[in-house]
C-alpha atoms as a PDB file:
ATOM      1  CA  MET A   1      42.797 187.004 197.696  1.00  0.00           C
ATOM      2  CA  LEU A   2      44.685 184.778 195.355  1.00  0.00           C
ATOM      3  CA  THR A   3      43.007 182.239 193.259  1.00  0.00           C
ATOM      4  CA  PRO A   4      43.659 178.526 194.262  1.00  0.00           C
ATOM      5  CA  GLU A   5      45.326 178.184 190.869  1.00  0.00           C
ATOM      6  CA  ASP A   6      47.797 181.001 191.115  1.00  0.00           C
ATOM      7  CA  THR A   7      48.597 180.089 194.746  1.00  0.00           C
ATOM      8  CA  LEU A   8      49.627 176.679 193.591  1.00  0.00           C
ATOM      9  CA  ARG A   9      51.675 177.918 190.757  1.00  0.00           C
ATOM     10  CA  LEU A  10      53.410 180.417 192.826  1.00  0.00           C
ATOM     11  CA  ASN A  11      54.296 177.652 195.373  1.00  0.00           C
ATOM     12  CA  VAL A  12      55.710 175.626 192.474  1.00  0.00           C
ATOM     13  CA  LEU A  13      57.814 178.706 191.428  1.00  0.00           C
ATOM     14  CA  ILE A  14      59.071 179.255 194.874  1.00  0.00           C
ATOM     15  CA  ALA A  15      60.205 175.555 195.055  1.00  0.00           C
ATOM     16  CA  THR A  16      61.886 175.425 191.589  1.00  0.00           C
ATOM     17  CA  CYS A  17      63.497 178.897 191.102  1.00  0.00           C
ATOM     18  CA  VAL A  18      66.502 180.693 192.440  1.00  0.00           C
ATOM     19  CA  ALA A  19      65.193 184.258 191.665  1.00  0.00           C
ATOM     20  CA  ILE A  20      61.713 185.673 191.147  1.00  0.00           C
ATOM     21  CA  ARG A  21      60.524 189.012 189.764  1.00  0.00           C
ATOM     22  CA  VAL A  22      57.008 190.381 189.444  1.00  0.00           C
ATOM     23  CA  ASP A  23      55.973 192.238 186.333  1.00  0.00           C
ATOM     24  CA  ILE A  24      53.431 194.740 187.707  1.00  0.00           C
ATOM     25  CA  TYR A  25      52.550 195.946 184.180  1.00  0.00           C
ATOM     26  CA  LYS A  26      51.930 192.517 182.578  1.00  0.00           C
ATOM     27  CA  LEU A  27      50.540 191.019 185.795  1.00  0.00           C
ATOM     28  CA  ALA A  28      52.987 188.168 185.572  1.00  0.00           C
ATOM     29  CA  VAL A  29      55.453 186.589 187.980  1.00  0.00           C
ATOM     30  CA  VAL A  30      58.692 185.309 186.311  1.00  0.00           C
ATOM     31  CA  GLY A  31      61.024 182.738 187.969  1.00  0.00           C
ATOM     32  CA  LEU A  32      64.653 181.875 186.962  1.00  0.00           C
ATOM     33  CA  THR A  33      65.565 178.153 187.484  1.00  0.00           C
ATOM     34  CA  GLU A  34      69.070 177.102 188.488  1.00  0.00           C
ATOM     35  CA  ASN A  35      70.026 176.292 184.887  1.00  0.00           C
ATOM     36  CA  LYS A  36      68.904 179.760 183.781  1.00  0.00           C
ATOM     37  CA  LYS A  37      65.557 178.947 182.252  1.00  0.00           C
ATOM     38  CA  GLU A  38      62.577 181.365 182.950  1.00  0.00           C
ATOM     39  CA  GLN A  39      59.232 180.171 184.021  1.00  0.00           C
ATOM     40  CA  THR A  40      56.393 182.661 183.768  1.00  0.00           C
ATOM     41  CA  ILE A  41      52.988 182.808 185.531  1.00  0.00           C
ATOM     42  CA  THR A  42      50.317 184.896 184.111  1.00  0.00           C
ATOM     43  CA  LEU A  43      48.188 186.050 186.900  1.00  0.00           C
ATOM     44  CA  ASN A  44      44.411 186.040 186.898  1.00  0.00           C
ATOM     45  CA  PRO A  45      43.095 188.665 189.174  1.00  0.00           C
ATOM     46  CA  SER A  46      39.377 188.859 189.679  1.00  0.00           C
ATOM     47  CA  GLY A  47      39.453 192.252 191.074  1.00  0.00           C
ATOM     48  CA  ASP A  48      41.847 195.135 191.761  1.00  0.00           C
ATOM     49  CA  SER A  49      45.122 194.233 190.150  1.00  0.00           C
ATOM     50  CA  THR A  50      47.156 196.355 192.443  1.00  0.00           C
ATOM     51  CA  LYS A  51      45.848 194.577 195.497  1.00  0.00           C
ATOM     52  CA  TYR A  52      46.413 191.308 193.701  1.00  0.00           C
ATOM     53  CA  ILE A  53      50.119 192.077 193.173  1.00  0.00           C
ATOM     54  CA  LYS A  54      50.379 192.840 196.899  1.00  0.00           C
ATOM     55  CA  ALA A  55      48.788 189.556 197.766  1.00  0.00           C
ATOM     56  CA  VAL A  56      51.375 187.890 195.618  1.00  0.00           C
ATOM     57  CA  GLN A  57      54.185 189.575 197.172  1.00  0.00           C
ATOM     58  CA  LYS A  58      52.811 188.849 200.650  1.00  0.00           C
ATOM     59  CA  LEU A  59      52.673 185.085 199.628  1.00  0.00           C
ATOM     60  CA  LEU A  60      56.285 185.178 198.527  1.00  0.00           C
ATOM     61  CA  VAL A  61      57.599 186.921 201.551  1.00  0.00           C
ATOM     62  CA  SER A  62      55.654 184.724 203.892  1.00  0.00           C
ATOM     63  CA  GLN A  63      56.904 181.531 202.204  1.00  0.00           C
ATOM     64  CA  ILE A  64      60.458 182.522 201.712  1.00  0.00           C
ATOM     65  CA  LEU A  65      61.205 184.775 204.715  1.00  0.00           C
ATOM     66  CA  GLY A  66      58.554 183.766 207.119  1.00  0.00           C
ATOM     67  CA  SER A  67      57.298 187.248 207.497  1.00  0.00           C
ATOM     68  CA  MET A  68      53.452 187.792 207.342  1.00  0.00           C
ATOM     69  CA  GLY A  69      53.695 191.462 207.244  1.00  0.00           C
ATOM     70  CA  GLY A  70      55.158 191.952 203.806  1.00  0.00           C
ATOM     71  CA  TYR A  71      58.692 193.238 203.026  1.00  0.00           C
ATOM     72  CA  PRO A  72      60.437 193.782 206.463  1.00  0.00           C
ATOM     73  CA  SER A  73      60.399 197.309 207.384  1.00  0.00           C
ATOM     74  CA  TYR A  74      64.118 197.153 208.628  1.00  0.00           C
ATOM     75  CA  LEU A  75      65.185 196.207 205.117  1.00  0.00           C
ATOM     76  CA  LYS A  76      63.541 199.127 203.741  1.00  0.00           C
ATOM     77  CA  ARG A  77      65.614 201.235 205.972  1.00  0.00           C
ATOM     78  CA  TRP A  78      68.829 199.406 205.162  1.00  0.00           C
ATOM     79  CA  SER A  79      68.157 198.889 201.279  1.00  0.00           C
ATOM     80  CA  ARG A  80      70.639 201.711 200.477  1.00  0.00           C
ATOM     81  CA  MET A  81      72.933 201.427 203.332  1.00  0.00           C
ATOM     82  CA  GLY A  82      74.699 198.230 202.370  1.00  0.00           C
ATOM     83  CA  GLN A  83      73.807 196.373 205.724  1.00  0.00           C
ATOM     84  CA  VAL A  84      72.032 193.372 204.446  1.00  0.00           C
ATOM     85  CA  GLY A  85      73.697 190.271 205.754  1.00  0.00           C
ATOM     86  CA  SER A  86      75.148 187.737 203.350  1.00  0.00           C
ATOM     87  CA  SER A  87      72.873 184.902 204.560  1.00  0.00           C
ATOM     88  CA  ASN A  88      69.846 186.870 203.390  1.00  0.00           C
ATOM     89  CA  LEU A  89      70.916 187.826 199.802  1.00  0.00           C
ATOM     90  CA  LYS A  90      69.541 184.856 197.898  1.00  0.00           C
ATOM     91  CA  SER A  91      66.257 184.733 199.852  1.00  0.00           C
ATOM     92  CA  LEU A  92      65.764 188.452 199.149  1.00  0.00           C
ATOM     93  CA  LEU A  93      65.894 187.774 195.413  1.00  0.00           C
ATOM     94  CA  LYS A  94      63.001 185.282 195.498  1.00  0.00           C
ATOM     95  CA  ILE A  95      60.342 187.776 197.149  1.00  0.00           C
ATOM     96  CA  GLY A  96      59.500 189.704 194.041  1.00  0.00           C
ATOM     97  CA  ASN A  97      60.064 193.099 195.677  1.00  0.00           C
ATOM     98  CA  ILE A  98      62.292 195.575 193.855  1.00  0.00           C
ATOM     99  CA  GLU A  99      63.357 197.210 197.137  1.00  0.00           C
ATOM    100  CA  ALA A 100      64.894 193.841 198.203  1.00  0.00           C
ATOM    101  CA  VAL A 101      66.764 193.790 194.938  1.00  0.00           C
ATOM    102  CA  VAL A 102      68.050 197.281 195.670  1.00  0.00           C
ATOM    103  CA  ALA A 103      69.182 196.110 199.108  1.00  0.00           C
ATOM    104  CA  VAL A 104      71.038 193.134 197.591  1.00  0.00           C
ATOM    105  CA  ALA A 105      72.599 195.260 194.958  1.00  0.00           C
ATOM    106  CA  ASN A 106      73.751 197.702 197.620  1.00  0.00           C
ATOM    107  CA  SER A 107      74.927 195.079 200.052  1.00  0.00           C
ATOM    108  CA  GLN A 108      78.521 195.006 201.165  1.00  0.00           C
ATOM    109  CA  ASN A 109      78.221 191.305 200.982  1.00  0.00           C
ATOM    110  CA  LEU A 110      77.416 191.079 197.266  1.00  0.00           C
ATOM    111  CA  ASN A 111      79.548 188.688 195.467  1.00  0.00           C
ATOM    112  CA  ASP A 112      79.908 186.799 192.074  1.00  0.00           C
ATOM    113  CA  GLU A 113      77.439 184.226 193.134  1.00  0.00           C
ATOM    114  CA  VAL A 114      74.499 186.391 193.166  1.00  0.00           C
ATOM    115  CA  LEU A 115      75.426 189.145 190.785  1.00  0.00           C
ATOM    116  CA  ASP A 116      73.822 187.732 187.796  1.00  0.00           C
ATOM    117  CA  LEU A 117      70.576 186.986 189.725  1.00  0.00           C
ATOM    118  CA  VAL A 118      70.461 190.618 190.957  1.00  0.00           C
ATOM    119  CA  TRP A 119      70.756 191.869 187.396  1.00  0.00           C
ATOM    120  CA  TRP A 120      68.164 189.539 186.150  1.00  0.00           C
ATOM    121  CA  CYS A 121      65.829 190.646 188.974  1.00  0.00           C
ATOM    122  CA  ALA A 122      66.197 194.176 188.045  1.00  0.00           C
ATOM    123  CA  THR A 123      65.542 193.699 184.397  1.00  0.00           C
ATOM    124  CA  ASN A 124      62.431 195.535 182.993  1.00  0.00           C
ATOM    125  CA  THR A 125      61.818 197.246 186.378  1.00  0.00           C
ATOM    126  CA  ASP A 126      61.553 201.115 186.946  1.00  0.00           C
ATOM    127  CA  GLN A 127      64.686 200.694 189.283  1.00  0.00           C
ATOM    128  CA  GLN A 128      66.778 198.920 186.609  1.00  0.00           C
ATOM    129  CA  ALA A 129      68.914 202.075 185.961  1.00  0.00           C
ATOM    130  CA  GLU A 130      69.449 202.724 189.612  1.00  0.00           C
ATOM    131  CA  ILE A 131      70.293 199.182 190.391  1.00  0.00           C
ATOM    132  CA  GLY A 132      72.882 199.126 187.417  1.00  0.00           C
ATOM    133  CA  ARG A 133      74.537 202.424 188.901  1.00  0.00           C
ATOM    134  CA  PHE A 134      74.842 200.822 192.355  1.00  0.00           C
ATOM    135  CA  LEU A 135      76.383 197.679 190.787  1.00  0.00           C
ATOM    136  CA  LEU A 136      78.872 199.701 188.742  1.00  0.00           C
ATOM    137  CA  THR A 137      80.323 201.211 191.734  1.00  0.00           C
ATOM    138  CA  ARG A 138      81.831 197.786 192.660  1.00  0.00           C
ATOM    139  CA  ASN A 139      85.242 196.832 191.281  1.00  0.00           C
ATOM    140  CA  PHE A 140      84.516 193.210 190.946  1.00  0.00           C
ATOM    141  CA  VAL A 141      81.325 194.117 188.854  1.00  0.00           C
ATOM    142  CA  ILE A 142      83.413 196.178 186.406  1.00  0.00           C
ATOM    143  CA  LYS A 143      85.626 193.137 185.669  1.00  0.00           C
ATOM    144  CA  HIS A 144      82.689 190.782 185.569  1.00  0.00           C
ATOM    145  CA  PRO A 145      80.937 190.028 182.117  1.00  0.00           C
ATOM    146  CA  ILE A 146      77.737 191.264 183.753  1.00  0.00           C
ATOM    147  CA  GLY A 147      79.457 194.627 184.025  1.00  0.00           C
ATOM    148  CA  LYS A 148      79.376 195.050 180.298  1.00  0.00           C
ATOM    149  CA  GLN A 149      75.733 194.153 180.203  1.00  0.00           C
ATOM    150  CA  ILE A 150      74.926 196.800 182.715  1.00  0.00           C
ATOM    151  CA  ALA A 151      76.962 199.429 180.914  1.00  0.00           C
ATOM    152  CA  ASP A 152      75.211 198.496 177.698  1.00  0.00           C
ATOM    153  CA  TYR A 153      71.849 198.851 179.251  1.00  0.00           C
ATOM    154  CA  LEU A 154      72.938 202.182 180.957  1.00  0.00           C
ATOM    155  CA  LEU A 155      74.355 203.716 177.611  1.00  0.00           C
ATOM    156  CA  GLU A 156      71.215 202.870 175.908  1.00  0.00           C
ATOM    157  CA  PHE A 157      69.111 204.396 178.730  1.00  0.00           C
ATOM    158  CA  LEU A 158      71.215 207.555 178.897  1.00  0.00           C
ATOM    159  CA  PRO A 159      69.298 209.564 176.278  1.00  0.00           C
ATOM    160  CA  PHE A 160      66.089 209.090 178.520  1.00  0.00           C
ATOM    161  CA  THR A 161      67.746 210.375 181.712  1.00  0.00           C
ATOM    162  CA  ASP A 162      66.352 213.771 182.682  1.00  0.00           C
ATOM    163  CA  ASP A 163      67.908 213.841 186.165  1.00  0.00           C
ATOM    164  CA  THR A 164      71.129 215.813 185.857  1.00  0.00           C
ATOM    165  CA  THR A 165      72.964 214.013 188.858  1.00  0.00           C
ATOM    166  CA  GLN A 166      71.999 210.659 187.417  1.00  0.00           C
ATOM    167  CA  LEU A 167      73.287 211.709 183.999  1.00  0.00           C
ATOM    168  CA  ILE A 168      76.521 212.880 185.371  1.00  0.00           C
ATOM    169  CA  ASP A 169      76.820 209.815 187.610  1.00  0.00           C
ATOM    170  CA  THR A 170      76.003 207.339 184.771  1.00  0.00           C
ATOM    171  CA  THR A 171      78.558 208.953 182.375  1.00  0.00           C
ATOM    172  CA  ASN A 172      81.113 208.810 185.137  1.00  0.00           C
ATOM    173  CA  LEU A 173      80.457 205.107 185.784  1.00  0.00           C
ATOM    174  CA  LEU A 174      80.447 204.057 182.116  1.00  0.00           C
ATOM    175  CA  LEU A 175      83.829 205.593 181.541  1.00  0.00           C
ATOM    176  CA  GLN A 176      85.511 202.973 183.853  1.00  0.00           C
ATOM    177  CA  GLU A 177      88.076 200.820 182.210  1.00  0.00           C
ATOM    178  CA  ASP A 178      86.671 199.338 179.090  1.00  0.00           C
ATOM    179  CA  LEU A 179      83.041 199.002 179.966  1.00  0.00           C
ATOM    180  CA  ILE A 180      82.172 200.680 176.840  1.00  0.00           C
ATOM    181  CA  SER A 181      83.922 200.922 173.470  1.00  0.00           C
ATOM    182  CA  PRO A 182      86.246 203.763 172.491  1.00  0.00           C
ATOM    183  CA  GLN A 183      83.561 204.661 169.845  1.00  0.00           C
ATOM    184  CA  ALA A 184      80.897 204.975 172.439  1.00  0.00           C
ATOM    185  CA  LYS A 185      83.160 207.246 174.593  1.00  0.00           C
ATOM    186  CA  ASP A 186      83.828 209.296 171.643  1.00  0.00           C
ATOM    187  CA  ARG A 187      80.141 209.703 171.053  1.00  0.00           C
ATOM    188  CA  LEU A 188      79.510 210.721 174.768  1.00  0.00           C
ATOM    189  CA  TRP A 189      82.331 213.255 174.395  1.00  0.00           C
ATOM    190  CA  LYS A 190      80.684 214.879 171.416  1.00  0.00           C
ATOM    191  CA  GLN A 191      77.341 214.859 173.053  1.00  0.00           C
ATOM    192  CA  GLY A 192      78.897 216.752 175.907  1.00  0.00           C
ATOM    193  CA  GLN A 193      79.706 219.680 173.690  1.00  0.00           C
ATOM    194  CA  ARG A 194      76.032 220.221 173.379  1.00  0.00           C
ATOM    195  CA  LYS A 195      75.105 218.863 176.938  1.00  0.00           C
ATOM    196  CA  PRO A 196      77.847 219.693 179.410  1.00  0.00           C
ATOM    197  CA  ALA A 197      76.570 217.272 182.011  1.00  0.00           C
ATOM    198  CA  PHE A 198      78.165 214.425 180.110  1.00  0.00           C
ATOM    199  CA  LEU A 199      81.439 216.362 180.232  1.00  0.00           C
ATOM    200  CA  VAL A 200      81.370 216.639 184.098  1.00  0.00           C
ATOM    201  CA  GLY A 201      81.347 212.727 184.066  1.00  0.00           C
ATOM    202  CA  PHE A 202      84.556 212.927 181.819  1.00  0.00           C
ATOM    203  CA  ILE A 203      86.463 215.463 183.870  1.00  0.00           C
ATOM    204  CA  GLU A 204      85.470 213.346 187.183  1.00  0.00           C
ATOM    205  CA  ARG A 205      86.635 210.113 185.794  1.00  0.00           C
ATOM    206  CA  MET A 206      89.203 210.678 183.102  1.00  0.00           C
ATOM    207  CA  GLU A 207      91.651 213.195 184.440  1.00  0.00           C
ATOM    208  CA  GLY A 208      94.958 212.638 182.586  1.00  0.00           C
ATOM    209  CA  ASN A 209      93.164 210.644 179.721  1.00  0.00           C
ATOM    210  CA  LEU A 210      90.681 213.015 178.270  1.00  0.00           C
ATOM    211  CA  PRO A 211      89.939 212.881 174.555  1.00  0.00           C
ATOM    212  CA  ASN A 212      92.120 215.223 172.366  1.00  0.00           C
ATOM    213  CA  ASN A 213      89.837 215.961 169.460  1.00  0.00           C
ATOM    214  CA  ASN A 214      90.939 219.512 168.974  1.00  0.00           C
ATOM    215  CA  ASN A 215      94.631 218.850 168.592  1.00  0.00           C
ATOM    216  CA  THR A 216      95.400 220.665 171.841  1.00  0.00           C
ATOM    217  CA  ILE A 217      99.141 220.791 172.533  1.00  0.00           C
ATOM    218  CA  ALA A 218     101.152 221.482 175.726  1.00  0.00           C
ATOM    219  CA  LEU A 219     102.287 224.983 176.477  1.00  0.00           C
ATOM    220  CA  ASP A 220     105.767 226.050 177.849  1.00  0.00           C
ATOM    221  CA  ASN A 221     106.594 223.763 180.754  1.00  0.00           C
ATOM    222  CA  ASN A 222     109.616 225.626 182.123  1.00  0.00           C
ATOM    223  CA  ILE A 223     107.631 227.057 185.151  1.00  0.00           C
ATOM    224  CA  LYS A 224     107.401 224.547 187.903  1.00  0.00           C
ATOM    225  CA  GLU A 225     104.151 226.147 189.368  1.00  0.00           C
ATOM    226  CA  LEU A 226     102.463 225.713 185.911  1.00  0.00           C
ATOM    227  CA  GLU A 227     103.627 222.213 184.930  1.00  0.00           C
ATOM    228  CA  ARG A 228     100.234 220.551 185.591  1.00  0.00           C
ATOM    229  CA  VAL A 229      98.370 223.420 183.899  1.00  0.00           C
ATOM    230  CA  ASN A 230     100.648 223.670 180.816  1.00  0.00           C
ATOM    231  CA  SER A 231     100.711 219.833 179.998  1.00  0.00           C
ATOM    232  CA  GLU A 232      98.533 218.665 177.113  1.00  0.00           C
ATOM    233  CA  GLN A 233      96.081 216.936 179.397  1.00  0.00           C
ATOM    234  CA  GLY A 234      96.046 219.956 181.728  1.00  0.00           C
ATOM    235  CA  GLN A 235      95.188 222.290 178.809  1.00  0.00           C
ATOM    236  CA  ILE A 236      92.318 219.825 177.748  1.00  0.00           C
ATOM    237  CA  MET A 237      90.990 219.736 181.365  1.00  0.00           C
ATOM    238  CA  LEU A 238      90.904 223.568 181.790  1.00  0.00           C
ATOM    239  CA  GLN A 239      89.535 224.150 178.270  1.00  0.00           C
ATOM    240  CA  THR A 240      86.757 221.587 179.025  1.00  0.00           C
ATOM    241  CA  ILE A 241      85.826 223.251 182.363  1.00  0.00           C
ATOM    242  CA  ASN A 242      85.668 226.551 180.697  1.00  0.00           C
ATOM    243  CA  HIS A 243      83.396 225.102 178.101  1.00  0.00           C
ATOM    244  CA  ILE A 244      81.185 223.802 180.804  1.00  0.00           C
ATOM    245  CA  LEU A 245      81.012 227.036 182.608  1.00  0.00           C
ATOM    246  CA  LYS A 246      80.163 228.974 179.494  1.00  0.00           C
ATOM    247  CA  LYS A 247      77.026 226.905 179.086  1.00  0.00           C
ATOM    248  CA  ILE A 248      76.258 226.567 182.818  1.00  0.00           C
ATOM    249  CA  ASN A 249      72.342 226.513 183.770  1.00  0.00           C
ATOM    250  CA  GLN A 250      72.188 223.762 186.323  1.00  0.00           C
ATOM    251  CA  GLU A 251      73.338 223.804 189.860  1.00  0.00           C
ATOM    252  CA  HIS A 252      74.762 220.387 190.147  1.00  0.00           C
ATOM    253  CA  VAL A 253      76.697 220.693 186.859  1.00  0.00           C
ATOM    254  CA  LEU A 254      78.320 223.847 188.487  1.00  0.00           C
ATOM    255  CA  TYR A 255      78.886 222.277 191.984  1.00  0.00           C
ATOM    256  CA  ARG A 256      80.680 219.276 190.530  1.00  0.00           C
ATOM    257  CA  THR A 257      82.717 221.167 188.071  1.00  0.00           C
ATOM    258  CA  LEU A 258      84.002 223.593 190.663  1.00  0.00           C
ATOM    259  CA  GLU A 259      84.853 220.547 192.848  1.00  0.00           C
ATOM    260  CA  VAL A 260      86.948 219.051 190.089  1.00  0.00           C
ATOM    261  CA  LEU A 261      88.644 222.293 189.109  1.00  0.00           C
ATOM    262  CA  GLY A 262      89.796 223.142 192.807  1.00  0.00           C
ATOM    263  CA  ALA A 263      90.915 219.584 193.224  1.00  0.00           C
ATOM    264  CA  TYR A 264      92.764 219.462 190.063  1.00  0.00           C
ATOM    265  CA  LEU A 265      94.747 222.527 190.850  1.00  0.00           C
ATOM    266  CA  SER A 266      95.090 222.011 194.536  1.00  0.00           C
ATOM    267  CA  HIS A 267      98.111 223.606 196.152  1.00  0.00           C
ATOM    268  CA  PRO A 268      99.596 222.922 199.635  1.00  0.00           C
ATOM    269  CA  MET A 269      99.490 226.629 200.423  1.00  0.00           C
ATOM    270  CA  VAL A 270      95.917 227.415 199.172  1.00  0.00           C
ATOM    271  CA  GLN A 271      92.645 226.785 201.150  1.00  0.00           C
ATOM    272  CA  ARG A 272      89.259 226.274 199.514  1.00  0.00           C
ATOM    273  CA  LEU A 273      87.229 229.380 200.362  1.00  0.00           C
ATOM    274  CA  ALA A 274      83.619 230.454 200.176  1.00  0.00           C
ATOM    275  CA  ASP A 275      84.221 233.967 198.669  1.00  0.00           C
ATOM    276  CA  ILE A 276      85.841 234.831 195.273  1.00  0.00           C
ATOM    277  CA  GLU A 277      87.351 237.957 196.497  1.00  0.00           C
ATOM    278  CA  GLN A 278      89.069 235.942 199.519  1.00  0.00           C
ATOM    279  CA  CYS A 279      90.374 233.521 196.922  1.00  0.00           C
ATOM    280  CA  GLN A 280      91.745 236.267 194.978  1.00  0.00           C
ATOM    281  CA  THR A 281      93.496 237.839 198.026  1.00  0.00           C
ATOM    282  CA  GLN A 282      94.772 234.457 199.019  1.00  0.00           C
ATOM    283  CA  ALA A 283      96.305 233.910 195.597  1.00  0.00           C
ATOM    284  CA  GLU A 284      98.030 237.154 195.717  1.00  0.00           C
ATOM    285  CA  ASN A 285      99.343 236.510 199.387  1.00  0.00           C
ATOM    286  CA  VAL A 286     100.618 233.084 198.319  1.00  0.00           C
ATOM    287  CA  LEU A 287     102.205 234.342 195.217  1.00  0.00           C
ATOM    288  CA  ALA A 288     104.083 236.795 197.376  1.00  0.00           C
ATOM    289  CA  GLN A 289     105.067 234.091 199.744  1.00  0.00           C
ATOM    290  CA  LEU A 290     106.582 232.262 196.931  1.00  0.00           C
ATOM    291  CA  GLY A 291     108.479 235.198 195.856  1.00  0.00           C
ATOM    292  CA  LEU A 292     107.028 235.248 192.416  1.00  0.00           C
ATOM    293  CA  ASP A 293     105.365 237.771 190.204  1.00  0.00           C
ATOM    294  CA  ASN A 294     103.502 235.998 187.508  1.00  0.00           C
ATOM    295  CA  GLU A 295      99.897 236.465 186.494  1.00  0.00           C
ATOM    296  CA  LYS A 296      99.372 232.934 185.342  1.00  0.00           C
ATOM    297  CA  ILE A 297     100.592 231.434 188.445  1.00  0.00           C
ATOM    298  CA  LYS A 298      98.334 233.954 190.351  1.00  0.00           C
ATOM    299  CA  ALA A 299      95.471 232.662 188.298  1.00  0.00           C
ATOM    300  CA  ARG A 300      96.369 228.916 189.003  1.00  0.00           C
ATOM    301  CA  LEU A 301      96.577 229.829 192.552  1.00  0.00           C
ATOM    302  CA  LEU A 302      93.028 231.396 192.485  1.00  0.00           C
ATOM    303  CA  LEU A 303      91.500 228.341 190.870  1.00  0.00           C
ATOM    304  CA  ALA A 304      93.075 226.087 193.560  1.00  0.00           C
ATOM    305  CA  GLY A 305      90.803 227.807 196.045  1.00  0.00           C
ATOM    306  CA  VAL A 306      87.616 227.175 194.297  1.00  0.00           C
ATOM    307  CA  SER A 307      84.862 224.830 195.258  1.00  0.00           C
ATOM    308  CA  GLU A 308      81.133 224.483 195.366  1.00  0.00           C
ATOM    309  CA  GLN A 309      81.354 226.677 198.577  1.00  0.00           C
ATOM    310  CA  LEU A 310      81.602 229.590 196.232  1.00  0.00           C
ATOM    311  CA  VAL A 311      78.208 229.290 194.929  1.00  0.00           C
ATOM    312  CA  VAL A 312      76.036 226.869 196.926  1.00  0.00           C
ATOM    313  CA  GLY A 313      74.981 229.346 199.445  1.00  0.00           C
ATOM    314  CA  THR A 314      73.645 231.925 196.862  1.00  0.00           C
ATOM    315  CA  ILE A 315      71.922 229.314 194.556  1.00  0.00           C
ATOM    316  CA  SER A 316      70.259 227.832 197.725  1.00  0.00           C
ATOM    317  CA  ALA A 317      69.077 231.300 199.186  1.00  0.00           C
ATOM    318  CA  HIS A 318      67.693 232.403 195.842  1.00  0.00           C
ATOM    319  CA  SER A 319      66.459 229.186 194.508  1.00  0.00           C
ATOM    320  CA  LEU A 320      68.352 229.791 191.252  1.00  0.00           C
ATOM    321  CA  ALA A 321      67.978 227.659 188.082  1.00  0.00           C
ATOM    322  CA  GLY A 322      68.721 228.114 184.397  1.00  0.00           C
ATOM    323  CA  SER A 323      70.165 231.346 183.067  1.00  0.00           C
ATOM    324  CA  ALA A 324      69.599 232.991 186.538  1.00  0.00           C
ATOM    325  CA  ILE A 325      72.657 230.996 187.808  1.00  0.00           C
ATOM    326  CA  ARG A 326      74.934 232.819 185.348  1.00  0.00           C
ATOM    327  CA  LYS A 327      73.419 236.135 186.100  1.00  0.00           C
ATOM    328  CA  LYS A 328      73.380 236.182 190.002  1.00  0.00           C
ATOM    329  CA  LEU A 329      76.704 234.520 189.933  1.00  0.00           C
ATOM    330  CA  SER A 330      78.343 236.581 187.259  1.00  0.00           C
ATOM    331  CA  ASN A 331      81.136 238.012 189.584  1.00  0.00           C
ATOM    332  CA  VAL A 332      82.235 234.471 190.574  1.00  0.00           C
ATOM    333  CA  LEU A 333      82.030 232.874 187.080  1.00  0.00           C
ATOM    334  CA  GLU A 334      83.671 235.770 185.296  1.00  0.00           C
ATOM    335  CA  SER A 335      86.689 235.618 187.754  1.00  0.00           C
ATOM    336  CA  ILE A 336      87.037 231.947 187.376  1.00  0.00           C
ATOM    337  CA  GLN A 337      86.482 232.085 183.368  1.00  0.00           C
ATOM    338  CA  ALA A 338      89.107 234.877 183.221  1.00  0.00           C
ATOM    339  CA  ALA A 339      91.541 232.772 185.002  1.00  0.00           C
ATOM    340  CA  LEU A 340      90.848 229.759 182.863  1.00  0.00           C
ATOM    341  CA  LYS A 341      91.280 231.936 179.700  1.00  0.00           C
ATOM    342  CA  LEU A 342      94.643 233.273 180.664  1.00  0.00           C
ATOM    343  CA  LEU A 343      95.805 229.759 181.604  1.00  0.00           C
ATOM    344  CA  THR A 344      94.896 228.363 178.296  1.00  0.00           C
ATOM    345  CA  THR A 345      96.292 231.170 176.239  1.00  0.00           C
ATOM    346  CA  PRO A 346      99.916 230.721 174.934  1.00  0.00           C
ATOM    347  CA  ILE A 347     102.081 233.572 176.000  1.00  0.00           C
END
C-alpha cells in the first residue's frame, strides 16, 4: 500500500513528465519534463521494498494505460518482436517498467521523437546495454546524436561483458560508420589479439576495411580465382580468421567465424556442406570442372564450403567447451587452418 504522500507525488509526476523510470536500488522514481529537467521522488516504504516498487508500477500503469493488472501481458510477449504500435510508444515510457522500454526500443515504429526518451529511460537500469544494442541496429539511430551516446556507453561497458555473443554483437555494432573514434577502433582491434571475440565483430562488420597493423601486402593477383584472396584486405581477413581459429575455445566464436569465412570466399559452384571430407571432395571436383590444377585454388574452394554446419552437431552432441572444442574438432580445424596457411603464404 502506497503512502498518501507518495501517491500524491506520483500523480504530480505523471501529470508533469513525458518519461518516468523507477530506480529499484535507490527506491526512487525519476521523471523527465518536457524541457528535459529531472524530478525525483524518494519513496518511503513502510514494509517490503519489492512489494512497494510493484505497487508504484501498478499505480503508474493504471493511471497511464488504464490497466489494473500491471504491465499488459501481451506487451511482454511483443517486447522483442517489434510489434508495439506507434500510438503506445510515449505512454509506455511513463509506466516505469523496463520491459516497456525494451518494447519501445525494439518497436518498428520507433522514431526521432521518442529516441532520446527511450535512452533516458534505459539509463542506470540492468537492461541499458541490451536496449543500447537494440537501438544501434537502427540506421536512423546511428546517424542521430543519441547514437554516439549509446556507443560511448557500450564501449565503456564492454570490459564488463561476459557473454560472448553479446561481446561480438556489441563490437560489431560499435564499428558502424563513425560511432566511435579511430583510436577506439584501434584499441578494440588490439584487444582482439588477446580476446578473439572482438575480432569476430571486426570480420563481420569491416570486410574490405580491416586494420592493417602488420604491413600486410597483396599477393600476386594474376589468377582470377584468387583475386579476392590475394588482395591486401583478403590477406588481412584470412590471417585474422586463422588467428581466431588458433585460439578457439568458445562455440559461438567458432560458429560465426566459419560463417564469415564461407560467405567471404563463396563461389557459385560451391555449396556449404556439413562434413569436411565432403567439402574437400567438392573442392577437387569443382577444380576439375574449371579445368584447373592449382593447390591454392583448391584451398579457396574448400573454404567456400565451410559454415557452422561443420561443427554445430559435434559441439551440441558432446556439449563441448574450451579446449575440448579444438581437440574434438581437430580434423575440421586443421584442414581449414592448413588451407588458410596456404592461401596466406607467398608462392
